[in-house]
Amino acid sequence: MQRLFHHHLYELGRGVRPLFLMTLATRELPPLLARLERAGIDHFVQQVSPAKANLFFGRDAFVAVARAFVTRPLNALTAEEDFMLGTMLGYDREQQCRRYLTRSGRGLDRPALAAE
């Protein structure tokens, strides 16, 4: 977990992605939170269960937006919130568009797009 965390910090510092999400055991949080505090990196924790948590961290504006609507389990986000979060996390934009269309029940307008 530490290796992945440090890789995320590297990507953040290089401007590769502005927002990160890690799901980890609650017991793994303290050293990561201490490192984020020392570095002055904005973050917040969403408790998933007594043993598991989601750690969001990154550039201030992105963390603030995520903090504003990630107030319930991720699987309970609206299609719009899910789309916005996925896009902010740097996920493939086309896949996010397709996911949004599926989750919102709007489907794809052109049959050719559905087949791709």
PDB file of N, CA and C in Angstrom:
ATOM      1  N   MET A   1       0.824  -1.192   0.000  1.00  0.00           N
ATOM      2  CA  MET A   1       0.000   0.000   0.000  1.00  0.00           C
ATOM      3  C   MET A   1       0.872   1.261   0.000  1.00  0.00           C
ATOM      4  N   GLN A   2       1.951   1.218   0.784  1.00  0.00           N
ATOM      5  CA  GLN A   2       2.845   2.374   0.861  1.00  0.00           C
ATOM      6  C   GLN A   2       3.447   2.713  -0.505  1.00  0.00           C
ATOM      7  N   ARG A   3       3.816   1.680  -1.249  1.00  0.00           N
ATOM      8  CA  ARG A   3       4.439   1.908  -2.558  1.00  0.00           C
ATOM      9  C   ARG A   3       3.458   2.602  -3.509  1.00  0.00           C
ATOM     10  N   LEU A   4       2.218   2.135  -3.528  1.00  0.00           N
ATOM     11  CA  LEU A   4       1.194   2.746  -4.367  1.00  0.00           C
ATOM     12  C   LEU A   4       0.929   4.184  -3.927  1.00  0.00           C
ATOM     13  N   PHE A   5       0.856   4.401  -2.630  1.00  0.00           N
ATOM     14  CA  PHE A   5       0.631   5.741  -2.086  1.00  0.00           C
ATOM     15  C   PHE A   5       1.734   6.692  -2.542  1.00  0.00           C
ATOM     16  N   HIS A   6       2.976   6.262  -2.440  1.00  0.00           N
ATOM     17  CA  HIS A   6       4.092   7.117  -2.857  1.00  0.00           C
ATOM     18  C   HIS A   6       4.069   7.367  -4.365  1.00  0.00           C
ATOM     19  N   HIS A   7       3.625   6.391  -5.124  1.00  0.00           N
ATOM     20  CA  HIS A   7       3.480   6.598  -6.563  1.00  0.00           C
ATOM     21  C   HIS A   7       2.401   7.652  -6.836  1.00  0.00           C
ATOM     22  N   HIS A   8       1.311   7.597  -6.097  1.00  0.00           N
ATOM     23  CA  HIS A   8       0.255   8.608  -6.245  1.00  0.00           C
ATOM     24  C   HIS A   8       0.793   9.998  -5.898  1.00  0.00           C
ATOM     25  N   LEU A   9       1.582  10.094  -4.841  1.00  0.00           N
ATOM     26  CA  LEU A   9       2.170  11.386  -4.477  1.00  0.00           C
ATOM     27  C   LEU A   9       3.078  11.895  -5.591  1.00  0.00           C
ATOM     28  N   TYR A  10       3.820  10.997  -6.205  1.00  0.00           N
ATOM     29  CA  TYR A  10       4.679  11.363  -7.330  1.00  0.00           C
ATOM     30  C   TYR A  10       3.825  11.908  -8.478  1.00  0.00           C
ATOM     31  N   GLU A  11       2.748  11.183  -8.829  1.00  0.00           N
ATOM     32  CA  GLU A  11       1.865  11.626  -9.911  1.00  0.00           C
ATOM     33  C   GLU A  11       1.228  12.973  -9.584  1.00  0.00           C
ATOM     34  N   LEU A  12       0.831  13.165  -8.343  1.00  0.00           N
ATOM     35  CA  LEU A  12       0.244  14.441  -7.931  1.00  0.00           C
ATOM     36  C   LEU A  12       1.258  15.566  -8.114  1.00  0.00           C
ATOM     37  N   GLY A  13       2.466  15.335  -7.658  1.00  0.00           N
ATOM     38  CA  GLY A  13       3.520  16.339  -7.778  1.00  0.00           C
ATOM     39  C   GLY A  13       3.873  16.670  -9.215  1.00  0.00           C
ATOM     40  N   ARG A  14       3.760  15.708 -10.099  1.00  0.00           N
ATOM     41  CA  ARG A  14       4.074  15.916 -11.518  1.00  0.00           C
ATOM     42  C   ARG A  14       2.880  16.443 -12.307  1.00  0.00           C
ATOM     43  N   GLY A  15       1.729  16.549 -11.665  1.00  0.00           N
ATOM     44  CA  GLY A  15       0.548  17.053 -12.355  1.00  0.00           C
ATOM     45  C   GLY A  15      -0.126  16.037 -13.254  1.00  0.00           C
ATOM     46  N   VAL A  16       0.157  14.750 -13.047  1.00  0.00           N
ATOM     47  CA  VAL A  16      -0.441  13.705 -13.878  1.00  0.00           C
ATOM     48  C   VAL A  16      -1.939  13.618 -13.623  1.00  0.00           C
ATOM     49  N   ARG A  17      -2.317  13.622 -12.351  1.00  0.00           N
ATOM     50  CA  ARG A  17      -3.730  13.584 -11.962  1.00  0.00           C
ATOM     51  C   ARG A  17      -3.922  14.520 -10.779  1.00  0.00           C
ATOM     52  N   PRO A  18      -5.109  15.125 -10.686  1.00  0.00           N
ATOM     53  CA  PRO A  18      -5.336  16.073  -9.592  1.00  0.00           C
ATOM     54  C   PRO A  18      -6.023  15.477  -8.361  1.00  0.00           C
ATOM     55  N   LEU A  19      -6.598  14.267  -8.491  1.00  0.00           N
ATOM     56  CA  LEU A  19      -7.356  13.679  -7.389  1.00  0.00           C
ATOM     57  C   LEU A  19      -7.111  12.178  -7.347  1.00  0.00           C
ATOM     58  N   PHE A  20      -7.000  11.647  -6.142  1.00  0.00           N
ATOM     59  CA  PHE A  20      -6.735  10.226  -5.953  1.00  0.00           C
ATOM     60  C   PHE A  20      -7.704   9.649  -4.940  1.00  0.00           C
ATOM     61  N   LEU A  21      -8.004   8.375  -5.115  1.00  0.00           N
ATOM     62  CA  LEU A  21      -8.853   7.628  -4.194  1.00  0.00           C
ATOM     63  C   LEU A  21      -8.173   6.299  -3.915  1.00  0.00           C
ATOM     64  N   MET A  22      -7.988   6.023  -2.644  1.00  0.00           N
ATOM     65  CA  MET A  22      -7.445   4.730  -2.224  1.00  0.00           C
ATOM     66  C   MET A  22      -8.414   4.122  -1.221  1.00  0.00           C
ATOM     67  N   THR A  23      -8.762   2.871  -1.418  1.00  0.00           N
ATOM     68  CA  THR A  23      -9.562   2.138  -0.441  1.00  0.00           C
ATOM     69  C   THR A  23      -8.609   1.237   0.315  1.00  0.00           C
ATOM     70  N   LEU A  24      -8.598   1.358   1.629  1.00  0.00           N
ATOM     71  CA  LEU A  24      -7.633   0.621   2.420  1.00  0.00           C
ATOM     72  C   LEU A  24      -8.180   0.270   3.794  1.00  0.00           C
ATOM     73  N   ALA A  25      -7.464  -0.575   4.480  1.00  0.00           N
ATOM     74  CA  ALA A  25      -7.834  -0.937   5.843  1.00  0.00           C
ATOM     75  C   ALA A  25      -7.669   0.290   6.738  1.00  0.00           C
ATOM     76  N   THR A  26      -8.599   0.484   7.646  1.00  0.00           N
ATOM     77  CA  THR A  26      -8.563   1.634   8.548  1.00  0.00           C
ATOM     78  C   THR A  26      -7.237   1.696   9.305  1.00  0.00           C
ATOM     79  N   ARG A  27      -6.687   0.557   9.669  1.00  0.00           N
ATOM     80  CA  ARG A  27      -5.423   0.522  10.413  1.00  0.00           C
ATOM     81  C   ARG A  27      -4.251   1.055   9.587  1.00  0.00           C
ATOM     82  N   GLU A  28      -4.396   1.113   8.257  1.00  0.00           N
ATOM     83  CA  GLU A  28      -3.322   1.622   7.390  1.00  0.00           C
ATOM     84  C   GLU A  28      -3.351   3.144   7.248  1.00  0.00           C
ATOM     85  N   LEU A  29      -4.403   3.778   7.726  1.00  0.00           N
ATOM     86  CA  LEU A  29      -4.570   5.217   7.537  1.00  0.00           C
ATOM     87  C   LEU A  29      -3.552   6.106   8.251  1.00  0.00           C
ATOM     88  N   PRO A  30      -3.255   5.893   9.534  1.00  0.00           N
ATOM     89  CA  PRO A  30      -2.437   6.869  10.267  1.00  0.00           C
ATOM     90  C   PRO A  30      -1.149   7.322   9.587  1.00  0.00           C
ATOM     91  N   PRO A  31      -0.287   6.429   9.085  1.00  0.00           N
ATOM     92  CA  PRO A  31       0.937   6.944   8.462  1.00  0.00           C
ATOM     93  C   PRO A  31       0.670   7.724   7.167  1.00  0.00           C
ATOM     94  N   LEU A  32      -0.358   7.336   6.426  1.00  0.00           N
ATOM     95  CA  LEU A  32      -0.679   8.041   5.189  1.00  0.00           C
ATOM     96  C   LEU A  32      -1.223   9.432   5.495  1.00  0.00           C
ATOM     97  N   LEU A  33      -2.094   9.512   6.494  1.00  0.00           N
ATOM     98  CA  LEU A  33      -2.645  10.811   6.888  1.00  0.00           C
ATOM     99  C   LEU A  33      -1.543  11.726   7.407  1.00  0.00           C
ATOM    100  N   ALA A  34      -0.616  11.177   8.170  1.00  0.00           N
ATOM    101  CA  ALA A  34       0.500  11.977   8.682  1.00  0.00           C
ATOM    102  C   ALA A  34       1.339  12.523   7.533  1.00  0.00           C
ATOM    103  N   ARG A  35       1.585  11.705   6.533  1.00  0.00           N
ATOM    104  CA  ARG A  35       2.384  12.138   5.364  1.00  0.00           C
ATOM    105  C   ARG A  35       1.662  13.234   4.590  1.00  0.00           C
ATOM    106  N   LEU A  36       0.348  13.083   4.401  1.00  0.00           N
ATOM    107  CA  LEU A  36      -0.430  14.109   3.705  1.00  0.00           C
ATOM    108  C   LEU A  36      -0.421  15.414   4.489  1.00  0.00           C
ATOM    109  N   GLU A  37      -0.559  15.323   5.809  1.00  0.00           N
ATOM    110  CA  GLU A  37      -0.519  16.519   6.661  1.00  0.00           C
ATOM    111  C   GLU A  37       0.830  17.217   6.535  1.00  0.00           C
ATOM    112  N   ARG A  38       1.906  16.448   6.642  1.00  0.00           N
ATOM    113  CA  ARG A  38       3.251  17.036   6.543  1.00  0.00           C
ATOM    114  C   ARG A  38       3.459  17.736   5.207  1.00  0.00           C
ATOM    115  N   ALA A  39       2.906  17.164   4.145  1.00  0.00           N
ATOM    116  CA  ALA A  39       3.087  17.722   2.799  1.00  0.00           C
ATOM    117  C   ALA A  39       2.076  18.827   2.487  1.00  0.00           C
ATOM    118  N   GLY A  40       1.112  19.041   3.383  1.00  0.00           N
ATOM    119  CA  GLY A  40       0.101  20.072   3.143  1.00  0.00           C
ATOM    120  C   GLY A  40      -0.854  19.712   2.016  1.00  0.00           C
ATOM    121  N   ILE A  41      -1.110  18.426   1.840  1.00  0.00           N
ATOM    122  CA  ILE A  41      -1.996  17.956   0.765  1.00  0.00           C
ATOM    123  C   ILE A  41      -3.400  17.770   1.327  1.00  0.00           C
ATOM    124  N   ASP A  42      -4.363  18.410   0.698  1.00  0.00           N
ATOM    125  CA  ASP A  42      -5.750  18.313   1.145  1.00  0.00           C
ATOM    126  C   ASP A  42      -6.241  16.880   0.992  1.00  0.00           C
ATOM    127  N   HIS A  43      -7.078  16.455   1.931  1.00  0.00           N
ATOM    128  CA  HIS A  43      -7.564  15.077   1.919  1.00  0.00           C
ATOM    129  C   HIS A  43      -8.796  14.947   2.801  1.00  0.00           C
ATOM    130  N   PHE A  44      -9.510  13.851   2.633  1.00  0.00           N
ATOM    131  CA  PHE A  44     -10.561  13.481   3.569  1.00  0.00           C
ATOM    132  C   PHE A  44     -10.768  11.982   3.509  1.00  0.00           C
ATOM    133  N   VAL A  45     -11.345  11.469   4.585  1.00  0.00           N
ATOM    134  CA  VAL A  45     -11.565  10.033   4.728  1.00  0.00           C
ATOM    135  C   VAL A  45     -13.060   9.767   4.770  1.00  0.00           C
ATOM    136  N   GLN A  46     -13.484   8.804   3.988  1.00  0.00           N
ATOM    137  CA  GLN A  46     -14.864   8.325   4.020  1.00  0.00           C
ATOM    138  C   GLN A  46     -14.814   6.922   4.609  1.00  0.00           C
ATOM    139  N   GLN A  47     -15.448   6.757   5.757  1.00  0.00           N
ATOM    140  CA  GLN A  47     -15.472   5.431   6.388  1.00  0.00           C
ATOM    141  C   GLN A  47     -16.413   4.530   5.602  1.00  0.00           C
ATOM    142  N   VAL A  48     -15.925   3.387   5.131  1.00  0.00           N
ATOM    143  CA  VAL A  48     -16.722   2.432   4.361  1.00  0.00           C
ATOM    144  C   VAL A  48     -17.349   1.413   5.307  1.00  0.00           C
ATOM    145  N   SER A  49     -16.554   0.962   6.257  1.00  0.00           N
ATOM    146  CA  SER A  49     -16.991   0.004   7.277  1.00  0.00           C
ATOM    147  C   SER A  49     -16.055   0.208   8.466  1.00  0.00           C
ATOM    148  N   PRO A  50     -16.297  -0.479   9.577  1.00  0.00           N
ATOM    149  CA  PRO A  50     -15.365  -0.316  10.703  1.00  0.00           C
ATOM    150  C   PRO A  50     -13.914  -0.668  10.338  1.00  0.00           C
ATOM    151  N   ALA A  51     -13.732  -1.530   9.373  1.00  0.00           N
ATOM    152  CA  ALA A  51     -12.382  -1.978   9.021  1.00  0.00           C
ATOM    153  C   ALA A  51     -11.830  -1.359   7.744  1.00  0.00           C
ATOM    154  N   LYS A  52     -12.631  -0.612   7.006  1.00  0.00           N
ATOM    155  CA  LYS A  52     -12.230  -0.132   5.682  1.00  0.00           C
ATOM    156  C   LYS A  52     -12.598   1.342   5.500  1.00  0.00           C
ATOM    157  N   ALA A  53     -11.740   2.068   4.743  1.00  0.00           N
ATOM    158  CA  ALA A  53     -11.985   3.485   4.495  1.00  0.00           C
ATOM    159  C   ALA A  53     -11.535   3.864   3.090  1.00  0.00           C
ATOM    160  N   ASN A  54     -12.175   4.894   2.559  1.00  0.00           N
ATOM    161  CA  ASN A  54     -11.749   5.512   1.307  1.00  0.00           C
ATOM    162  C   ASN A  54     -10.976   6.769   1.666  1.00  0.00           C
ATOM    163  N   LEU A  55      -9.783   6.906   1.135  1.00  0.00           N
ATOM    164  CA  LEU A  55      -8.957   8.087   1.343  1.00  0.00           C
ATOM    165  C   LEU A  55      -8.902   8.858   0.032  1.00  0.00           C
ATOM    166  N   PHE A  56      -9.435  10.074   0.047  1.00  0.00           N
ATOM    167  CA  PHE A  56      -9.380  10.973  -1.103  1.00  0.00           C
ATOM    168  C   PHE A  56      -8.301  12.009  -0.816  1.00  0.00           C
ATOM    169  N   PHE A  57      -7.456  12.301  -1.794  1.00  0.00           N
ATOM    170  CA  PHE A  57      -6.461  13.352  -1.612  1.00  0.00           C
ATOM    171  C   PHE A  57      -6.052  13.917  -2.963  1.00  0.00           C
ATOM    172  N   GLY A  58      -5.544  15.152  -2.935  1.00  0.00           N
ATOM    173  CA  GLY A  58      -5.104  15.781  -4.168  1.00  0.00           C
ATOM    174  C   GLY A  58      -5.141  17.287  -4.074  1.00  0.00           C
ATOM    175  N   ARG A  59      -5.326  17.913  -5.232  1.00  0.00           N
ATOM    176  CA  ARG A  59      -5.365  19.372  -5.294  1.00  0.00           C
ATOM    177  C   ARG A  59      -6.622  19.884  -4.603  1.00  0.00           C
ATOM    178  N   ASP A  60      -6.469  21.007  -3.927  1.00  0.00           N
ATOM    179  CA  ASP A  60      -7.510  21.537  -3.045  1.00  0.00           C
ATOM    180  C   ASP A  60      -8.895  21.613  -3.671  1.00  0.00           C
ATOM    181  N   ALA A  61      -9.013  22.201  -4.844  1.00  0.00           N
ATOM    182  CA  ALA A  61     -10.333  22.390  -5.459  1.00  0.00           C
ATOM    183  C   ALA A  61     -10.992  21.052  -5.766  1.00  0.00           C
ATOM    184  N   PHE A  62     -10.226  20.088  -6.214  1.00  0.00           N
ATOM    185  CA  PHE A  62     -10.773  18.769  -6.543  1.00  0.00           C
ATOM    186  C   PHE A  62     -11.240  18.046  -5.282  1.00  0.00           C
ATOM    187  N   VAL A  63     -10.456  18.132  -4.234  1.00  0.00           N
ATOM    188  CA  VAL A  63     -10.837  17.496  -2.967  1.00  0.00           C
ATOM    189  C   VAL A  63     -12.083  18.172  -2.409  1.00  0.00           C
ATOM    190  N   ALA A  64     -12.163  19.498  -2.516  1.00  0.00           N
ATOM    191  CA  ALA A  64     -13.333  20.220  -2.011  1.00  0.00           C
ATOM    192  C   ALA A  64     -14.604  19.796  -2.738  1.00  0.00           C
ATOM    193  N   VAL A  65     -14.529  19.642  -4.050  1.00  0.00           N
ATOM    194  CA  VAL A  65     -15.707  19.214  -4.817  1.00  0.00           C
ATOM    195  C   VAL A  65     -16.091  17.791  -4.429  1.00  0.00           C
ATOM    196  N   ALA A  66     -15.115  16.894  -4.350  1.00  0.00           N
ATOM    197  CA  ALA A  66     -15.409  15.508  -3.963  1.00  0.00           C
ATOM    198  C   ALA A  66     -16.009  15.467  -2.561  1.00  0.00           C
ATOM    199  N   ARG A  67     -15.450  16.234  -1.647  1.00  0.00           N
ATOM    200  CA  ARG A  67     -15.946  16.276  -0.271  1.00  0.00           C
ATOM    201  C   ARG A  67     -17.405  16.750  -0.233  1.00  0.00           C
ATOM    202  N   ALA A  68     -17.763  17.638  -1.148  1.00  0.00           N
ATOM    203  CA  ALA A  68     -19.115  18.208  -1.157  1.00  0.00           C
ATOM    204  C   ALA A  68     -20.187  17.184  -1.509  1.00  0.00           C
ATOM    205  N   PHE A  69     -19.879  16.221  -2.364  1.00  0.00           N
ATOM    206  CA  PHE A  69     -20.937  15.279  -2.753  1.00  0.00           C
ATOM    207  C   PHE A  69     -20.678  13.826  -2.375  1.00  0.00           C
ATOM    208  N   VAL A  70     -19.500  13.506  -1.904  1.00  0.00           N
ATOM    209  CA  VAL A  70     -19.258  12.134  -1.437  1.00  0.00           C
ATOM    210  C   VAL A  70     -19.639  12.093   0.045  1.00  0.00           C
ATOM    211  N   THR A  71     -20.940  12.056   0.269  1.00  0.00           N
ATOM    212  CA  THR A  71     -21.486  12.074   1.631  1.00  0.00           C
ATOM    213  C   THR A  71     -22.238  10.788   1.945  1.00  0.00           C
ATOM    214  N   ARG A  72     -22.148   9.844   1.041  1.00  0.00           N
ATOM    215  CA  ARG A  72     -22.808   8.542   1.201  1.00  0.00           C
ATOM    216  C   ARG A  72     -21.955   7.518   0.457  1.00  0.00           C
ATOM    217  N   PRO A  73     -22.278   6.233   0.564  1.00  0.00           N
ATOM    218  CA  PRO A  73     -21.461   5.231  -0.133  1.00  0.00           C
ATOM    219  C   PRO A  73     -21.337   5.537  -1.628  1.00  0.00           C
ATOM    220  N   LEU A  74     -20.198   5.210  -2.195  1.00  0.00           N
ATOM    221  CA  LEU A  74     -19.953   5.515  -3.607  1.00  0.00           C
ATOM    222  C   LEU A  74     -20.976   4.863  -4.526  1.00  0.00           C
ATOM    223  N   ASN A  75     -21.468   3.693  -4.156  1.00  0.00           N
ATOM    224  CA  ASN A  75     -22.457   3.035  -5.014  1.00  0.00           C
ATOM    225  C   ASN A  75     -23.831   3.693  -4.921  1.00  0.00           C
ATOM    226  N   ALA A  76     -23.978   4.675  -4.037  1.00  0.00           N
ATOM    227  CA  ALA A  76     -25.242   5.403  -3.910  1.00  0.00           C
ATOM    228  C   ALA A  76     -25.181   6.779  -4.568  1.00  0.00           C
ATOM    229  N   LEU A  77     -24.068   7.114  -5.215  1.00  0.00           N
ATOM    230  CA  LEU A  77     -23.968   8.401  -5.908  1.00  0.00           C
ATOM    231  C   LEU A  77     -24.923   8.418  -7.092  1.00  0.00           C
ATOM    232  N   THR A  78     -25.402   9.602  -7.438  1.00  0.00           N
ATOM    233  CA  THR A  78     -26.227   9.727  -8.636  1.00  0.00           C
ATOM    234  C   THR A  78     -25.351   9.481  -9.860  1.00  0.00           C
ATOM    235  N   ALA A  79     -25.978   9.283 -10.997  1.00  0.00           N
ATOM    236  CA  ALA A  79     -25.224   9.083 -12.240  1.00  0.00           C
ATOM    237  C   ALA A  79     -24.329  10.287 -12.517  1.00  0.00           C
ATOM    238  N   GLU A  80     -24.834  11.474 -12.227  1.00  0.00           N
ATOM    239  CA  GLU A  80     -24.066  12.697 -12.467  1.00  0.00           C
ATOM    240  C   GLU A  80     -22.871  12.789 -11.520  1.00  0.00           C
ATOM    241  N   GLU A  81     -23.088  12.486 -10.239  1.00  0.00           N
ATOM    242  CA  GLU A  81     -21.995  12.526  -9.270  1.00  0.00           C
ATOM    243  C   GLU A  81     -20.939  11.480  -9.603  1.00  0.00           C
ATOM    244  N   ASP A  82     -21.376  10.290  -9.982  1.00  0.00           N
ATOM    245  CA  ASP A  82     -20.463   9.218 -10.364  1.00  0.00           C
ATOM    246  C   ASP A  82     -19.617   9.639 -11.564  1.00  0.00           C
ATOM    247  N   PHE A  83     -20.254  10.270 -12.543  1.00  0.00           N
ATOM    248  CA  PHE A  83     -19.549  10.745 -13.735  1.00  0.00           C
ATOM    249  C   PHE A  83     -18.502  11.785 -13.351  1.00  0.00           C
ATOM    250  N   MET A  84     -18.913  12.743 -12.534  1.00  0.00           N
ATOM    251  CA  MET A  84     -18.005  13.811 -12.146  1.00  0.00           C
ATOM    252  C   MET A  84     -16.826  13.258 -11.340  1.00  0.00           C
ATOM    253  N   LEU A  85     -17.098  12.369 -10.415  1.00  0.00           N
ATOM    254  CA  LEU A  85     -16.018  11.800  -9.611  1.00  0.00           C
ATOM    255  C   LEU A  85     -15.056  10.994 -10.484  1.00  0.00           C
ATOM    256  N   GLY A  86     -15.588  10.152 -11.347  1.00  0.00           N
ATOM    257  CA  GLY A  86     -14.735   9.360 -12.231  1.00  0.00           C
ATOM    258  C   GLY A  86     -13.865  10.228 -13.118  1.00  0.00           C
ATOM    259  N   THR A  87     -14.431  11.301 -13.630  1.00  0.00           N
ATOM    260  CA  THR A  87     -13.677  12.216 -14.484  1.00  0.00           C
ATOM    261  C   THR A  87     -12.587  12.923 -13.680  1.00  0.00           C
ATOM    262  N   MET A  88     -12.931  13.382 -12.466  1.00  0.00           N
ATOM    263  CA  MET A  88     -11.941  14.064 -11.629  1.00  0.00           C
ATOM    264  C   MET A  88     -10.812  13.125 -11.212  1.00  0.00           C
ATOM    265  N   LEU A  89     -11.126  11.840 -11.075  1.00  0.00           N
ATOM    266  CA  LEU A  89     -10.105  10.858 -10.710  1.00  0.00           C
ATOM    267  C   LEU A  89      -9.229  10.464 -11.898  1.00  0.00           C
ATOM    268  N   GLY A  90      -9.553  10.980 -13.086  1.00  0.00           N
ATOM    269  CA  GLY A  90      -8.723  10.734 -14.257  1.00  0.00           C
ATOM    270  C   GLY A  90      -9.060   9.477 -15.019  1.00  0.00           C
ATOM    271  N   TYR A  91     -10.230   8.917 -14.759  1.00  0.00           N
ATOM    272  CA  TYR A  91     -10.631   7.714 -15.485  1.00  0.00           C
ATOM    273  C   TYR A  91     -10.917   8.071 -16.941  1.00  0.00           C
ATOM    274  N   ASP A  92     -10.836   7.091 -17.813  1.00  0.00           N
ATOM    275  CA  ASP A  92     -11.064   7.282 -19.242  1.00  0.00           C
ATOM    276  C   ASP A  92     -12.387   8.014 -19.475  1.00  0.00           C
ATOM    277  N   ARG A  93     -12.324   9.137 -20.173  1.00  0.00           N
ATOM    278  CA  ARG A  93     -13.523   9.970 -20.352  1.00  0.00           C
ATOM    279  C   ARG A  93     -14.604   9.291 -21.168  1.00  0.00           C
ATOM    280  N   GLU A  94     -14.210   8.570 -22.213  1.00  0.00           N
ATOM    281  CA  GLU A  94     -15.233   7.885 -23.010  1.00  0.00           C
ATOM    282  C   GLU A  94     -15.933   6.816 -22.175  1.00  0.00           C
ATOM    283  N   GLN A  95     -15.162   6.072 -21.408  1.00  0.00           N
ATOM    284  CA  GLN A  95     -15.777   5.058 -20.544  1.00  0.00           C
ATOM    285  C   GLN A  95     -16.694   5.707 -19.516  1.00  0.00           C
ATOM    286  N   GLN A  96     -16.293   6.862 -19.006  1.00  0.00           N
ATOM    287  CA  GLN A  96     -17.150   7.571 -18.050  1.00  0.00           C
ATOM    288  C   GLN A  96     -18.452   8.011 -18.726  1.00  0.00           C
ATOM    289  N   CYS A  97     -18.362   8.460 -19.981  1.00  0.00           N
ATOM    290  CA  CYS A  97     -19.572   8.850 -20.717  1.00  0.00           C
ATOM    291  C   CYS A  97     -20.493   7.650 -20.893  1.00  0.00           C
ATOM    292  N   ARG A  98     -19.927   6.529 -21.280  1.00  0.00           N
ATOM    293  CA  ARG A  98     -20.737   5.319 -21.459  1.00  0.00           C
ATOM    294  C   ARG A  98     -21.351   4.874 -20.128  1.00  0.00           C
ATOM    295  N   ARG A  99     -20.571   4.931 -19.075  1.00  0.00           N
ATOM    296  CA  ARG A  99     -21.075   4.554 -17.749  1.00  0.00           C
ATOM    297  C   ARG A  99     -22.227   5.475 -17.346  1.00  0.00           C
ATOM    298  N   TYR A 100     -22.058   6.779 -17.596  1.00  0.00           N
ATOM    299  CA  TYR A 100     -23.118   7.733 -17.271  1.00  0.00           C
ATOM    300  C   TYR A 100     -24.398   7.409 -18.049  1.00  0.00           C
ATOM    301  N   LEU A 101     -24.257   7.173 -19.339  1.00  0.00           N
ATOM    302  CA  LEU A 101     -25.435   6.867 -20.160  1.00  0.00           C
ATOM    303  C   LEU A 101     -26.146   5.613 -19.663  1.00  0.00           C
ATOM    304  N   THR A 102     -25.385   4.621 -19.275  1.00  0.00           N
ATOM    305  CA  THR A 102     -25.978   3.385 -18.755  1.00  0.00           C
ATOM    306  C   THR A 102     -26.658   3.629 -17.412  1.00  0.00           C
ATOM    307  N   ARG A 103     -25.955   4.279 -16.498  1.00  0.00           N
ATOM    308  CA  ARG A 103     -26.502   4.497 -15.155  1.00  0.00           C
ATOM    309  C   ARG A 103     -27.695   5.438 -15.153  1.00  0.00           C
ATOM    310  N   SER A 104     -27.698   6.395 -16.077  1.00  0.00           N
ATOM    311  CA  SER A 104     -28.795   7.368 -16.111  1.00  0.00           C
ATOM    312  C   SER A 104     -30.004   6.837 -16.866  1.00  0.00           C
ATOM    313  N   GLY A 105     -29.824   5.697 -17.549  1.00  0.00           N
ATOM    314  CA  GLY A 105     -30.928   5.122 -18.309  1.00  0.00           C
ATOM    315  C   GLY A 105     -31.166   5.806 -19.636  1.00  0.00           C
ATOM    316  N   ARG A 106     -30.221   6.619 -20.053  1.00  0.00           N
ATOM    317  CA  ARG A 106     -30.388   7.353 -21.313  1.00  0.00           C
ATOM    318  C   ARG A 106     -29.896   6.571 -22.513  1.00  0.00           C
ATOM    319  N   GLY A 107     -29.053   5.595 -22.276  1.00  0.00           N
ATOM    320  CA  GLY A 107     -28.558   4.761 -23.373  1.00  0.00           C
ATOM    321  C   GLY A 107     -27.763   5.549 -24.388  1.00  0.00           C
ATOM    322  N   LEU A 108     -27.358   4.875 -25.424  1.00  0.00           N
ATOM    323  CA  LEU A 108     -26.623   5.504 -26.517  1.00  0.00           C
ATOM    324  C   LEU A 108     -27.585   5.749 -27.662  1.00  0.00           C
ATOM    325  N   ASP A 109     -27.510   6.936 -28.252  1.00  0.00           N
ATOM    326  CA  ASP A 109     -28.438   7.304 -29.323  1.00  0.00           C
ATOM    327  C   ASP A 109     -28.206   6.524 -30.606  1.00  0.00           C
ATOM    328  N   ARG A 110     -26.950   6.279 -30.923  1.00  0.00           N
ATOM    329  CA  ARG A 110     -26.640   5.614 -32.184  1.00  0.00           C
ATOM    330  C   ARG A 110     -26.288   4.162 -31.925  1.00  0.00           C
ATOM    331  N   PRO A 111     -26.894   3.228 -32.648  1.00  0.00           N
ATOM    332  CA  PRO A 111     -26.581   1.805 -32.464  1.00  0.00           C
ATOM    333  C   PRO A 111     -25.102   1.494 -32.657  1.00  0.00           C
ATOM    334  N   ALA A 112     -24.431   2.229 -33.538  1.00  0.00           N
ATOM    335  CA  ALA A 112     -23.011   1.974 -33.791  1.00  0.00           C
ATOM    336  C   ALA A 112     -22.185   2.226 -32.536  1.00  0.00           C
ATOM    337  N   LEU A 113     -22.560   3.216 -31.746  1.00  0.00           N
ATOM    338  CA  LEU A 113     -21.830   3.503 -30.517  1.00  0.00           C
ATOM    339  C   LEU A 113     -21.981   2.374 -29.511  1.00  0.00           C
ATOM    340  N   ALA A 114     -23.141   1.805 -29.448  1.00  0.00           N
ATOM    341  CA  ALA A 114     -23.389   0.720 -28.499  1.00  0.00           C
ATOM    342  C   ALA A 114     -22.559  -0.512 -28.839  1.00  0.00           C
ATOM    343  N   ALA A 115     -22.244  -0.692 -30.116  1.00  0.00           N
ATOM    344  CA  ALA A 115     -21.507  -1.876 -30.557  1.00  0.00           C
ATOM    345  C   ALA A 115     -20.002  -1.733 -30.360  1.00  0.00           C
ATOM    346  N   GLU A 116     -19.511  -0.514 -30.195  1.00  0.00           N
ATOM    347  CA  GLU A 116     -18.053  -0.299 -30.082  1.00  0.00           C
ATOM    348  C   GLU A 116     -17.486  -0.920 -28.835  1.00  0.00           C
TER     349      GLU A 116
END
